[in-house]
PDB file of N, CA and C in Angstrom:
ATOM      1  N   MET A   1     -31.696  -2.690  42.524  1.00  0.00           N
ATOM      2  CA  MET A   1     -30.461  -3.378  42.225  1.00  0.00           C
ATOM      3  C   MET A   1     -30.348  -3.741  40.752  1.00  0.00           C
ATOM      4  N   ASN A   2     -31.209  -3.234  39.975  1.00  0.00           N
ATOM      5  CA  ASN A   2     -31.200  -3.550  38.565  1.00  0.00           C
ATOM      6  C   ASN A   2     -30.544  -2.438  37.749  1.00  0.00           C
ATOM      7  N   GLN A   3     -29.535  -1.799  38.335  1.00  0.00           N
ATOM      8  CA  GLN A   3     -28.838  -0.727  37.625  1.00  0.00           C
ATOM      9  C   GLN A   3     -27.854  -1.333  36.629  1.00  0.00           C
ATOM     10  N   LYS A   4     -27.777  -0.691  35.470  1.00  0.00           N
ATOM     11  CA  LYS A   4     -26.869  -1.166  34.433  1.00  0.00           C
ATOM     12  C   LYS A   4     -25.672  -0.230  34.366  1.00  0.00           C
ATOM     13  N   THR A   5     -24.528  -0.798  34.122  1.00  0.00           N
ATOM     14  CA  THR A   5     -23.316   0.009  33.997  1.00  0.00           C
ATOM     15  C   THR A   5     -23.303   0.669  32.622  1.00  0.00           C
ATOM     16  N   ASN A   6     -22.420   1.644  32.463  1.00  0.00           N
ATOM     17  CA  ASN A   6     -22.274   2.302  31.156  1.00  0.00           C
ATOM     18  C   ASN A   6     -21.931   1.284  30.080  1.00  0.00           C
ATOM     19  N   ALA A   7     -21.056   0.333  30.399  1.00  0.00           N
ATOM     20  CA  ALA A   7     -20.663  -0.686  29.423  1.00  0.00           C
ATOM     21  C   ALA A   7     -21.874  -1.511  29.000  1.00  0.00           C
ATOM     22  N   ASP A   8     -22.733  -1.862  29.968  1.00  0.00           N
ATOM     23  CA  ASP A   8     -23.937  -2.621  29.640  1.00  0.00           C
ATOM     24  C   ASP A   8     -24.852  -1.817  28.719  1.00  0.00           C
ATOM     25  N   GLN A   9     -25.008  -0.527  29.024  1.00  0.00           N
ATOM     26  CA  GLN A   9     -25.873   0.318  28.211  1.00  0.00           C
ATOM     27  C   GLN A   9     -25.307   0.469  26.800  1.00  0.00           C
ATOM     28  N   LYS A  10     -23.996   0.608  26.681  1.00  0.00           N
ATOM     29  CA  LYS A  10     -23.372   0.736  25.367  1.00  0.00           C
ATOM     30  C   LYS A  10     -23.549  -0.546  24.563  1.00  0.00           C
ATOM     31  N   ALA A  11     -23.419  -1.671  25.231  1.00  0.00           N
ATOM     32  CA  ALA A  11     -23.576  -2.951  24.549  1.00  0.00           C
ATOM     33  C   ALA A  11     -25.007  -3.135  24.056  1.00  0.00           C
ATOM     34  N   LEU A  12     -25.954  -2.577  24.804  1.00  0.00           N
ATOM     35  CA  LEU A  12     -27.352  -2.698  24.419  1.00  0.00           C
ATOM     36  C   LEU A  12     -27.709  -1.766  23.266  1.00  0.00           C
ATOM     37  N   ASN A  13     -26.910  -0.753  23.012  1.00  0.00           N
ATOM     38  CA  ASN A  13     -27.211   0.205  21.955  1.00  0.00           C
ATOM     39  C   ASN A  13     -26.126   0.141  20.883  1.00  0.00           C
ATOM     40  N   PRO A  14     -26.205  -0.823  19.967  1.00  0.00           N
ATOM     41  CA  PRO A  14     -25.162  -1.009  18.957  1.00  0.00           C
ATOM     42  C   PRO A  14     -25.021   0.173  18.004  1.00  0.00           C
ATOM     43  N   THR A  15     -26.089   0.978  17.829  1.00  0.00           N
ATOM     44  CA  THR A  15     -25.969   2.120  16.919  1.00  0.00           C
ATOM     45  C   THR A  15     -24.991   3.150  17.464  1.00  0.00           C
ATOM     46  N   ASP A  16     -24.927   3.309  18.783  1.00  0.00           N
ATOM     47  CA  ASP A  16     -23.945   4.219  19.385  1.00  0.00           C
ATOM     48  C   ASP A  16     -22.529   3.723  19.102  1.00  0.00           C
ATOM     49  N   ASN A  17     -22.311   2.422  19.275  1.00  0.00           N
ATOM     50  CA  ASN A  17     -20.987   1.845  19.010  1.00  0.00           C
ATOM     51  C   ASN A  17     -20.612   1.995  17.547  1.00  0.00           C
ATOM     52  N   ALA A  18     -21.536   1.726  16.646  1.00  0.00           N
ATOM     53  CA  ALA A  18     -21.266   1.841  15.213  1.00  0.00           C
ATOM     54  C   ALA A  18     -20.948   3.285  14.850  1.00  0.00           C
ATOM     55  N   SER A  19     -21.680   4.220  15.448  1.00  0.00           N
ATOM     56  CA  SER A  19     -21.443   5.638  15.184  1.00  0.00           C
ATOM     57  C   SER A  19     -20.053   6.049  15.649  1.00  0.00           C
ATOM     58  N   ARG A  20     -19.639   5.573  16.826  1.00  0.00           N
ATOM     59  CA  ARG A  20     -18.307   5.881  17.345  1.00  0.00           C
ATOM     60  C   ARG A  20     -17.224   5.268  16.466  1.00  0.00           C
ATOM     61  N   ASN A  21     -17.425   4.026  16.030  1.00  0.00           N
ATOM     62  CA  ASN A  21     -16.459   3.369  15.142  1.00  0.00           C
ATOM     63  C   ASN A  21     -16.334   4.114  13.827  1.00  0.00           C
ATOM     64  N   GLU A  22     -17.472   4.551  13.286  1.00  0.00           N
ATOM     65  CA  GLU A  22     -17.452   5.283  12.017  1.00  0.00           C
ATOM     66  C   GLU A  22     -16.697   6.598  12.176  1.00  0.00           C
ATOM     67  N   LYS A  23     -16.906   7.296  13.280  1.00  0.00           N
ATOM     68  CA  LYS A  23     -16.184   8.546  13.515  1.00  0.00           C
ATOM     69  C   LYS A  23     -14.690   8.280  13.636  1.00  0.00           C
ATOM     70  N   GLY A  24     -14.320   7.189  14.301  1.00  0.00           N
ATOM     71  CA  GLY A  24     -12.909   6.843  14.440  1.00  0.00           C
ATOM     72  C   GLY A  24     -12.273   6.526  13.106  1.00  0.00           C
ATOM     73  N   ILE A  25     -12.976   5.791  12.265  1.00  0.00           N
ATOM     74  CA  ILE A  25     -12.462   5.455  10.938  1.00  0.00           C
ATOM     75  C   ILE A  25     -12.377   6.712  10.082  1.00  0.00           C
ATOM     76  N   ASN A  26     -13.364   7.593  10.191  1.00  0.00           N
ATOM     77  CA  ASN A  26     -13.348   8.822   9.399  1.00  0.00           C
ATOM     78  C   ASN A  26     -12.130   9.683   9.721  1.00  0.00           C
ATOM     79  N   LEU A  27     -11.647   9.631  10.944  1.00  0.00           N
ATOM     80  CA  LEU A  27     -10.439  10.372  11.297  1.00  0.00           C
ATOM     81  C   LEU A  27      -9.232   9.872  10.500  1.00  0.00           C
ATOM     82  N   LEU A  28      -9.217   8.584  10.187  1.00  0.00           N
ATOM     83  CA  LEU A  28      -8.099   7.991   9.461  1.00  0.00           C
ATOM     84  C   LEU A  28      -8.145   8.252   7.954  1.00  0.00           C
ATOM     85  N   LEU A  29      -9.301   8.579   7.429  1.00  0.00           N
ATOM     86  CA  LEU A  29      -9.465   8.688   5.981  1.00  0.00           C
ATOM     87  C   LEU A  29      -8.667   9.821   5.359  1.00  0.00           C
ATOM     88  N   ASP A  30      -8.308  10.840   6.126  1.00  0.00           N
ATOM     89  CA  ASP A  30      -7.574  11.984   5.581  1.00  0.00           C
ATOM     90  C   ASP A  30      -6.076  11.915   5.832  1.00  0.00           C
ATOM     91  N   ILE A  31      -5.581  10.786   6.297  1.00  0.00           N
ATOM     92  CA  ILE A  31      -4.140  10.640   6.516  1.00  0.00           C
ATOM     93  C   ILE A  31      -3.477  10.373   5.168  1.00  0.00           C
ATOM     94  N   PRO A  32      -2.504  11.212   4.787  1.00  0.00           N
ATOM     95  CA  PRO A  32      -1.839  10.995   3.496  1.00  0.00           C
ATOM     96  C   PRO A  32      -0.903   9.790   3.538  1.00  0.00           C
ATOM     97  N   LEU A  33      -0.862   9.047   2.444  1.00  0.00           N
ATOM     98  CA  LEU A  33       0.003   7.880   2.321  1.00  0.00           C
ATOM     99  C   LEU A  33       0.894   8.040   1.092  1.00  0.00           C
ATOM    100  N   GLN A  34       2.109   7.554   1.179  1.00  0.00           N
ATOM    101  CA  GLN A  34       3.036   7.582   0.045  1.00  0.00           C
ATOM    102  C   GLN A  34       2.808   6.327  -0.792  1.00  0.00           C
ATOM    103  N   VAL A  35       2.401   6.504  -2.034  1.00  0.00           N
ATOM    104  CA  VAL A  35       2.144   5.386  -2.935  1.00  0.00           C
ATOM    105  C   VAL A  35       3.201   5.412  -4.035  1.00  0.00           C
ATOM    106  N   SER A  36       3.831   4.259  -4.282  1.00  0.00           N
ATOM    107  CA  SER A  36       4.829   4.189  -5.349  1.00  0.00           C
ATOM    108  C   SER A  36       4.695   2.865  -6.087  1.00  0.00           C
ATOM    109  N   VAL A  37       5.105   2.898  -7.350  1.00  0.00           N
ATOM    110  CA  VAL A  37       5.095   1.704  -8.192  1.00  0.00           C
ATOM    111  C   VAL A  37       6.533   1.422  -8.580  1.00  0.00           C
ATOM    112  N   GLU A  38       6.948   0.190  -8.351  1.00  0.00           N
ATOM    113  CA  GLU A  38       8.318  -0.196  -8.651  1.00  0.00           C
ATOM    114  C   GLU A  38       8.358  -1.023  -9.929  1.00  0.00           C
ATOM    115  N   VAL A  39       9.141  -0.542 -10.885  1.00  0.00           N
ATOM    116  CA  VAL A  39       9.314  -1.242 -12.153  1.00  0.00           C
ATOM    117  C   VAL A  39      10.308  -2.379 -11.972  1.00  0.00           C
ATOM    118  N   GLY A  40      11.361  -2.155 -11.215  1.00  0.00           N
ATOM    119  CA  GLY A  40      12.385  -3.169 -10.986  1.00  0.00           C
ATOM    120  C   GLY A  40      13.523  -2.600 -10.161  1.00  0.00           C
ATOM    121  N   ARG A  41      14.507  -3.437  -9.874  1.00  0.00           N
ATOM    122  CA  ARG A  41      15.660  -3.045  -9.074  1.00  0.00           C
ATOM    123  C   ARG A  41      16.932  -3.527  -9.743  1.00  0.00           C
ATOM    124  N   ALA A  42      18.016  -2.877  -9.367  1.00  0.00           N
ATOM    125  CA  ALA A  42      19.331  -3.297  -9.849  1.00  0.00           C
ATOM    126  C   ALA A  42      20.363  -2.907  -8.798  1.00  0.00           C
ATOM    127  N   ARG A  43      21.434  -3.670  -8.734  1.00  0.00           N
ATOM    128  CA  ARG A  43      22.573  -3.333  -7.868  1.00  0.00           C
ATOM    129  C   ARG A  43      23.718  -2.925  -8.782  1.00  0.00           C
ATOM    130  N   ILE A  44      24.323  -1.795  -8.459  1.00  0.00           N
ATOM    131  CA  ILE A  44      25.442  -1.326  -9.277  1.00  0.00           C
ATOM    132  C   ILE A  44      26.582  -0.890  -8.369  1.00  0.00           C
ATOM    133  N   LEU A  45      27.750  -0.820  -8.925  1.00  0.00           N
ATOM    134  CA  LEU A  45      28.923  -0.351  -8.197  1.00  0.00           C
ATOM    135  C   LEU A  45      28.963   1.177  -8.236  1.00  0.00           C
ATOM    136  N   VAL A  46      29.596   1.760  -7.238  1.00  0.00           N
ATOM    137  CA  VAL A  46      29.755   3.208  -7.207  1.00  0.00           C
ATOM    138  C   VAL A  46      30.459   3.669  -8.483  1.00  0.00           C
ATOM    139  N   ARG A  47      31.442   2.916  -8.930  1.00  0.00           N
ATOM    140  CA  ARG A  47      32.179   3.235 -10.155  1.00  0.00           C
ATOM    141  C   ARG A  47      31.213   3.407 -11.329  1.00  0.00           C
ATOM    142  N   ASP A  48      30.267   2.456 -11.459  1.00  0.00           N
ATOM    143  CA  ASP A  48      29.297   2.509 -12.547  1.00  0.00           C
ATOM    144  C   ASP A  48      28.344   3.694 -12.392  1.00  0.00           C
ATOM    145  N   LEU A  49      27.963   3.990 -11.164  1.00  0.00           N
ATOM    146  CA  LEU A  49      27.094   5.127 -10.891  1.00  0.00           C
ATOM    147  C   LEU A  49      27.753   6.429 -11.333  1.00  0.00           C
ATOM    148  N   LEU A  50      29.030   6.569 -11.020  1.00  0.00           N
ATOM    149  CA  LEU A  50      29.752   7.795 -11.365  1.00  0.00           C
ATOM    150  C   LEU A  50      29.978   7.946 -12.867  1.00  0.00           C
ATOM    151  N   GLN A  51      29.919   6.843 -13.595  1.00  0.00           N
ATOM    152  CA  GLN A  51      30.139   6.891 -15.044  1.00  0.00           C
ATOM    153  C   GLN A  51      28.841   7.065 -15.836  1.00  0.00           C
ATOM    154  N   MET A  52      27.702   7.116 -15.155  1.00  0.00           N
ATOM    155  CA  MET A  52      26.415   7.239 -15.856  1.00  0.00           C
ATOM    156  C   MET A  52      26.310   8.576 -16.567  1.00  0.00           C
ATOM    157  N   GLN A  53      25.666   8.502 -17.731  1.00  0.00           N
ATOM    158  CA  GLN A  53      25.389   9.705 -18.510  1.00  0.00           C
ATOM    159  C   GLN A  53      24.112   9.457 -19.304  1.00  0.00           C
ATOM    160  N   GLU A  54      23.658  10.476 -20.007  1.00  0.00           N
ATOM    161  CA  GLU A  54      22.468  10.283 -20.831  1.00  0.00           C
ATOM    162  C   GLU A  54      22.675   9.120 -21.774  1.00  0.00           C
ATOM    163  N   GLY A  55      21.685   8.253 -21.861  1.00  0.00           N
ATOM    164  CA  GLY A  55      21.778   7.108 -22.752  1.00  0.00           C
ATOM    165  C   GLY A  55      22.268   5.838 -22.069  1.00  0.00           C
ATOM    166  N   THR A  56      22.763   5.955 -20.825  1.00  0.00           N
ATOM    167  CA  THR A  56      23.216   4.772 -20.095  1.00  0.00           C
ATOM    168  C   THR A  56      22.021   3.858 -19.834  1.00  0.00           C
ATOM    169  N   LEU A  57      22.183   2.574 -20.050  1.00  0.00           N
ATOM    170  CA  LEU A  57      21.132   1.594 -19.778  1.00  0.00           C
ATOM    171  C   LEU A  57      21.431   0.876 -18.475  1.00  0.00           C
ATOM    172  N   ILE A  58      20.404   0.658 -17.681  1.00  0.00           N
ATOM    173  CA  ILE A  58      20.530  -0.103 -16.441  1.00  0.00           C
ATOM    174  C   ILE A  58      19.607  -1.302 -16.562  1.00  0.00           C
ATOM    175  N   GLU A  59      20.173  -2.488 -16.495  1.00  0.00           N
ATOM    176  CA  GLU A  59      19.375  -3.707 -16.599  1.00  0.00           C
ATOM    177  C   GLU A  59      18.753  -3.999 -15.232  1.00  0.00           C
ATOM    178  N   LEU A  60      17.442  -4.159 -15.215  1.00  0.00           N
ATOM    179  CA  LEU A  60      16.716  -4.436 -13.978  1.00  0.00           C
ATOM    180  C   LEU A  60      16.536  -5.930 -13.796  1.00  0.00           C
ATOM    181  N   GLU A  61      16.362  -6.344 -12.560  1.00  0.00           N
ATOM    182  CA  GLU A  61      16.192  -7.764 -12.244  1.00  0.00           C
ATOM    183  C   GLU A  61      14.851  -8.314 -12.737  1.00  0.00           C
ATOM    184  N   LYS A  62      13.856  -7.458 -12.835  1.00  0.00           N
ATOM    185  CA  LYS A  62      12.517  -7.910 -13.228  1.00  0.00           C
ATOM    186  C   LYS A  62      12.458  -8.118 -14.740  1.00  0.00           C
ATOM    187  N   LEU A  63      11.795  -9.184 -15.154  1.00  0.00           N
ATOM    188  CA  LEU A  63      11.652  -9.484 -16.576  1.00  0.00           C
ATOM    189  C   LEU A  63      10.542  -8.642 -17.195  1.00  0.00           C
ATOM    190  N   ALA A  64      10.678  -8.363 -18.486  1.00  0.00           N
ATOM    191  CA  ALA A  64       9.617  -7.651 -19.206  1.00  0.00           C
ATOM    192  C   ALA A  64       8.339  -8.479 -19.125  1.00  0.00           C
ATOM    193  N   GLY A  65       7.240  -7.825 -18.876  1.00  0.00           N
ATOM    194  CA  GLY A  65       5.961  -8.520 -18.776  1.00  0.00           C
ATOM    195  C   GLY A  65       5.597  -8.958 -17.371  1.00  0.00           C
ATOM    196  N   GLU A  66       6.556  -8.944 -16.443  1.00  0.00           N
ATOM    197  CA  GLU A  66       6.244  -9.281 -15.053  1.00  0.00           C
ATOM    198  C   GLU A  66       5.418  -8.153 -14.442  1.00  0.00           C
ATOM    199  N   PRO A  67       4.553  -8.475 -13.487  1.00  0.00           N
ATOM    200  CA  PRO A  67       3.756  -7.424 -12.842  1.00  0.00           C
ATOM    201  C   PRO A  67       4.652  -6.421 -12.104  1.00  0.00           C
ATOM    202  N   LEU A  68       4.176  -5.177 -12.061  1.00  0.00           N
ATOM    203  CA  LEU A  68       4.845  -4.126 -11.299  1.00  0.00           C
ATOM    204  C   LEU A  68       4.365  -4.191  -9.859  1.00  0.00           C
ATOM    205  N   ASP A  69       5.202  -3.755  -8.925  1.00  0.00           N
ATOM    206  CA  ASP A  69       4.858  -3.806  -7.502  1.00  0.00           C
ATOM    207  C   ASP A  69       4.316  -2.467  -7.030  1.00  0.00           C
ATOM    208  N   LEU A  70       3.204  -2.492  -6.300  1.00  0.00           N
ATOM    209  CA  LEU A  70       2.603  -1.304  -5.712  1.00  0.00           C
ATOM    210  C   LEU A  70       2.929  -1.286  -4.225  1.00  0.00           C
ATOM    211  N   TYR A  71       3.577  -0.221  -3.791  1.00  0.00           N
ATOM    212  CA  TYR A  71       3.931  -0.052  -2.376  1.00  0.00           C
ATOM    213  C   TYR A  71       3.154   1.116  -1.796  1.00  0.00           C
ATOM    214  N   VAL A  72       2.676   0.950  -0.582  1.00  0.00           N
ATOM    215  CA  VAL A  72       2.073   2.036   0.172  1.00  0.00           C
ATOM    216  C   VAL A  72       2.885   2.175   1.447  1.00  0.00           C
ATOM    217  N   ASN A  73       3.469   3.351   1.627  1.00  0.00           N
ATOM    218  CA  ASN A  73       4.371   3.593   2.758  1.00  0.00           C
ATOM    219  C   ASN A  73       5.426   2.496   2.860  1.00  0.00           C
ATOM    220  N   SER A  74       6.026   2.173   1.742  1.00  0.00           N
ATOM    221  CA  SER A  74       7.121   1.198   1.633  1.00  0.00           C
ATOM    222  C   SER A  74       6.707  -0.239   1.929  1.00  0.00           C
ATOM    223  N   ARG A  75       5.432  -0.528   1.950  1.00  0.00           N
ATOM    224  CA  ARG A  75       4.937  -1.890   2.167  1.00  0.00           C
ATOM    225  C   ARG A  75       4.268  -2.389   0.889  1.00  0.00           C
ATOM    226  N   LEU A  76       4.640  -3.591   0.450  1.00  0.00           N
ATOM    227  CA  LEU A  76       4.031  -4.176  -0.740  1.00  0.00           C
ATOM    228  C   LEU A  76       2.558  -4.441  -0.470  1.00  0.00           C
ATOM    229  N   ILE A  77       1.714  -3.870  -1.320  1.00  0.00           N
ATOM    230  CA  ILE A  77       0.266  -4.007  -1.148  1.00  0.00           C
ATOM    231  C   ILE A  77      -0.356  -4.794  -2.296  1.00  0.00           C
ATOM    232  N   ALA A  78       0.178  -4.606  -3.512  1.00  0.00           N
ATOM    233  CA  ALA A  78      -0.434  -5.254  -4.672  1.00  0.00           C
ATOM    234  C   ALA A  78       0.568  -5.301  -5.826  1.00  0.00           C
ATOM    235  N   ARG A  79       0.173  -6.016  -6.876  1.00  0.00           N
ATOM    236  CA  ARG A  79       0.931  -6.070  -8.118  1.00  0.00           C
ATOM    237  C   ARG A  79      -0.041  -5.788  -9.252  1.00  0.00           C
ATOM    238  N   GLY A  80       0.498  -5.286 -10.362  1.00  0.00           N
ATOM    239  CA  GLY A  80      -0.395  -4.975 -11.470  1.00  0.00           C
ATOM    240  C   GLY A  80       0.363  -4.689 -12.744  1.00  0.00           C
ATOM    241  N   GLU A  81      -0.391  -4.268 -13.747  1.00  0.00           N
ATOM    242  CA  GLU A  81       0.195  -3.992 -15.054  1.00  0.00           C
ATOM    243  C   GLU A  81       0.046  -2.507 -15.369  1.00  0.00           C
ATOM    244  N   ALA A  82       1.057  -1.978 -16.038  1.00  0.00           N
ATOM    245  CA  ALA A  82       1.045  -0.568 -16.411  1.00  0.00           C
ATOM    246  C   ALA A  82      -0.005  -0.325 -17.483  1.00  0.00           C
ATOM    247  N   VAL A  83      -0.721   0.783 -17.351  1.00  0.00           N
ATOM    248  CA  VAL A  83      -1.709   1.211 -18.334  1.00  0.00           C
ATOM    249  C   VAL A  83      -1.529   2.707 -18.554  1.00  0.00           C
ATOM    250  N   VAL A  84      -2.115   3.218 -19.615  1.00  0.00           N
ATOM    251  CA  VAL A  84      -2.117   4.653 -19.867  1.00  0.00           C
ATOM    252  C   VAL A  84      -3.548   5.144 -19.719  1.00  0.00           C
ATOM    253  N   VAL A  85      -3.727   6.173 -18.886  1.00  0.00           N
ATOM    254  CA  VAL A  85      -5.044   6.751 -18.632  1.00  0.00           C
ATOM    255  C   VAL A  85      -4.921   8.260 -18.843  1.00  0.00           C
ATOM    256  N   ASN A  86      -5.634   8.795 -19.822  1.00  0.00           N
ATOM    257  CA  ASN A  86      -5.569  10.233 -20.119  1.00  0.00           C
ATOM    258  C   ASN A  86      -4.130  10.714 -20.261  1.00  0.00           C
ATOM    259  N   GLU A  87      -3.339   9.988 -21.013  1.00  0.00           N
ATOM    260  CA  GLU A  87      -1.944  10.317 -21.297  1.00  0.00           C
ATOM    261  C   GLU A  87      -1.038  10.274 -20.066  1.00  0.00           C
ATOM    262  N   LYS A  88      -1.495   9.623 -19.002  1.00  0.00           N
ATOM    263  CA  LYS A  88      -0.678   9.439 -17.799  1.00  0.00           C
ATOM    264  C   LYS A  88      -0.585   7.947 -17.514  1.00  0.00           C
ATOM    265  N   PHE A  89       0.512   7.552 -16.867  1.00  0.00           N
ATOM    266  CA  PHE A  89       0.644   6.150 -16.486  1.00  0.00           C
ATOM    267  C   PHE A  89      -0.287   5.836 -15.326  1.00  0.00           C
ATOM    268  N   GLY A  90      -0.764   4.607 -15.307  1.00  0.00           N
ATOM    269  CA  GLY A  90      -1.575   4.108 -14.215  1.00  0.00           C
ATOM    270  C   GLY A  90      -1.210   2.658 -13.959  1.00  0.00           C
ATOM    271  N   LEU A  91      -1.830   2.049 -12.981  1.00  0.00           N
ATOM    272  CA  LEU A  91      -1.574   0.655 -12.649  1.00  0.00           C
ATOM    273  C   LEU A  91      -2.907  -0.060 -12.483  1.00  0.00           C
ATOM    274  N   ARG A  92      -3.116  -1.099 -13.272  1.00  0.00           N
ATOM    275  CA  ARG A  92      -4.310  -1.948 -13.121  1.00  0.00           C
ATOM    276  C   ARG A  92      -3.907  -3.101 -12.214  1.00  0.00           C
ATOM    277  N   LEU A  93      -4.525  -3.179 -11.050  1.00  0.00           N
ATOM    278  CA  LEU A  93      -4.162  -4.213 -10.075  1.00  0.00           C
ATOM    279  C   LEU A  93      -4.596  -5.586 -10.570  1.00  0.00           C
ATOM    280  N   THR A  94      -3.678  -6.531 -10.484  1.00  0.00           N
ATOM    281  CA  THR A  94      -3.974  -7.905 -10.887  1.00  0.00           C
ATOM    282  C   THR A  94      -3.884  -8.862  -9.707  1.00  0.00           C
ATOM    283  N   ASP A  95      -3.222  -8.440  -8.639  1.00  0.00           N
ATOM    284  CA  ASP A  95      -3.048  -9.306  -7.465  1.00  0.00           C
ATOM    285  C   ASP A  95      -2.873  -8.413  -6.240  1.00  0.00           C
ATOM    286  N   VAL A  96      -3.772  -8.533  -5.281  1.00  0.00           N
ATOM    287  CA  VAL A  96      -3.689  -7.747  -4.050  1.00  0.00           C
ATOM    288  C   VAL A  96      -3.191  -8.663  -2.940  1.00  0.00           C
ATOM    289  N   VAL A  97      -2.186  -8.200  -2.222  1.00  0.00           N
ATOM    290  CA  VAL A  97      -1.621  -8.984  -1.128  1.00  0.00           C
ATOM    291  C   VAL A  97      -2.678  -9.097  -0.026  1.00  0.00           C
ATOM    292  N   SER A  98      -2.882 -10.300   0.486  1.00  0.00           N
ATOM    293  CA  SER A  98      -3.918 -10.509   1.499  1.00  0.00           C
ATOM    294  C   SER A  98      -3.546  -9.788   2.796  1.00  0.00           C
ATOM    295  N   PRO A  99      -4.540  -9.393   3.578  1.00  0.00           N
ATOM    296  CA  PRO A  99      -4.252  -8.729   4.854  1.00  0.00           C
ATOM    297  C   PRO A  99      -3.339  -9.561   5.762  1.00  0.00           C
ATOM    298  N   SER A 100      -3.509 -10.881   5.763  1.00  0.00           N
ATOM    299  CA  SER A 100      -2.657 -11.713   6.620  1.00  0.00           C
ATOM    300  C   SER A 100      -1.209 -11.672   6.143  1.00  0.00           C
ATOM    301  N   GLU A 101      -0.981 -11.652   4.819  1.00  0.00           N
ATOM    302  CA  GLU A 101       0.388 -11.537   4.290  1.00  0.00           C
ATOM    303  C   GLU A 101       0.991 -10.182   4.637  1.00  0.00           C
ATOM    304  N   ARG A 102       0.177  -9.124   4.584  1.00  0.00           N
ATOM    305  CA  ARG A 102       0.659  -7.783   4.933  1.00  0.00           C
ATOM    306  C   ARG A 102       1.109  -7.749   6.382  1.00  0.00           C
ATOM    307  N   ILE A 103       0.341  -8.378   7.260  1.00  0.00           N
ATOM    308  CA  ILE A 103       0.697  -8.406   8.689  1.00  0.00           C
ATOM    309  C   ILE A 103       1.967  -9.188   8.887  1.00  0.00           C
ATOM    310  N   GLU A 104       2.117 -10.327   8.195  1.00  0.00           N
ATOM    311  CA  GLU A 104       3.336 -11.138   8.288  1.00  0.00           C
ATOM    312  C   GLU A 104       4.567 -10.344   7.868  1.00  0.00           C
ATOM    313  N   ASN A 105       4.406  -9.479   6.843  1.00  0.00           N
ATOM    314  CA  ASN A 105       5.532  -8.724   6.306  1.00  0.00           C
ATOM    315  C   ASN A 105       5.864  -7.466   7.113  1.00  0.00           C
ATOM    316  N   LEU A 106       5.097  -7.153   8.134  1.00  0.00           N
ATOM    317  CA  LEU A 106       5.369  -5.955   8.931  1.00  0.00           C
ATOM    318  C   LEU A 106       6.723  -6.023   9.610  1.00  0.00           C
ATOM    319  N   GLY A 107       7.149  -7.201  10.002  1.00  0.00           N
ATOM    320  CA  GLY A 107       8.418  -7.349  10.697  1.00  0.00           C
ATOM    321  C   GLY A 107       9.629  -7.288   9.786  1.00  0.00           C
ATOM    322  N   SER A 108       9.429  -7.436   8.481  1.00  0.00           N
ATOM    323  CA  SER A 108      10.578  -7.462   7.567  1.00  0.00           C
ATOM    324  C   SER A 108      10.874  -6.116   6.967  1.00  0.00           C
TER     325      SER A 108
END
């Protein structure tokens, strides 16, 4: 009567559970994500949009020097400052949104 169930045996062997969890996480590592950096936003009228031409300036709501927003799949993940790396733009993260804040923002 001392038979153990599969669940009991799995609980007794944590390396099996860790191995399964690692395999599950590894499946997620190759999923592509859309990453974008937002400099700022503006609202304009259709009239103004139709009149745009080279040299047109659009004033953004964000002030110069404010951190840029980093979005992953349209969700705010972090903020940072623009940098140049090998003649390309990059973002140095200065503030990462906490996991609890990310979960709170899922509904919005």
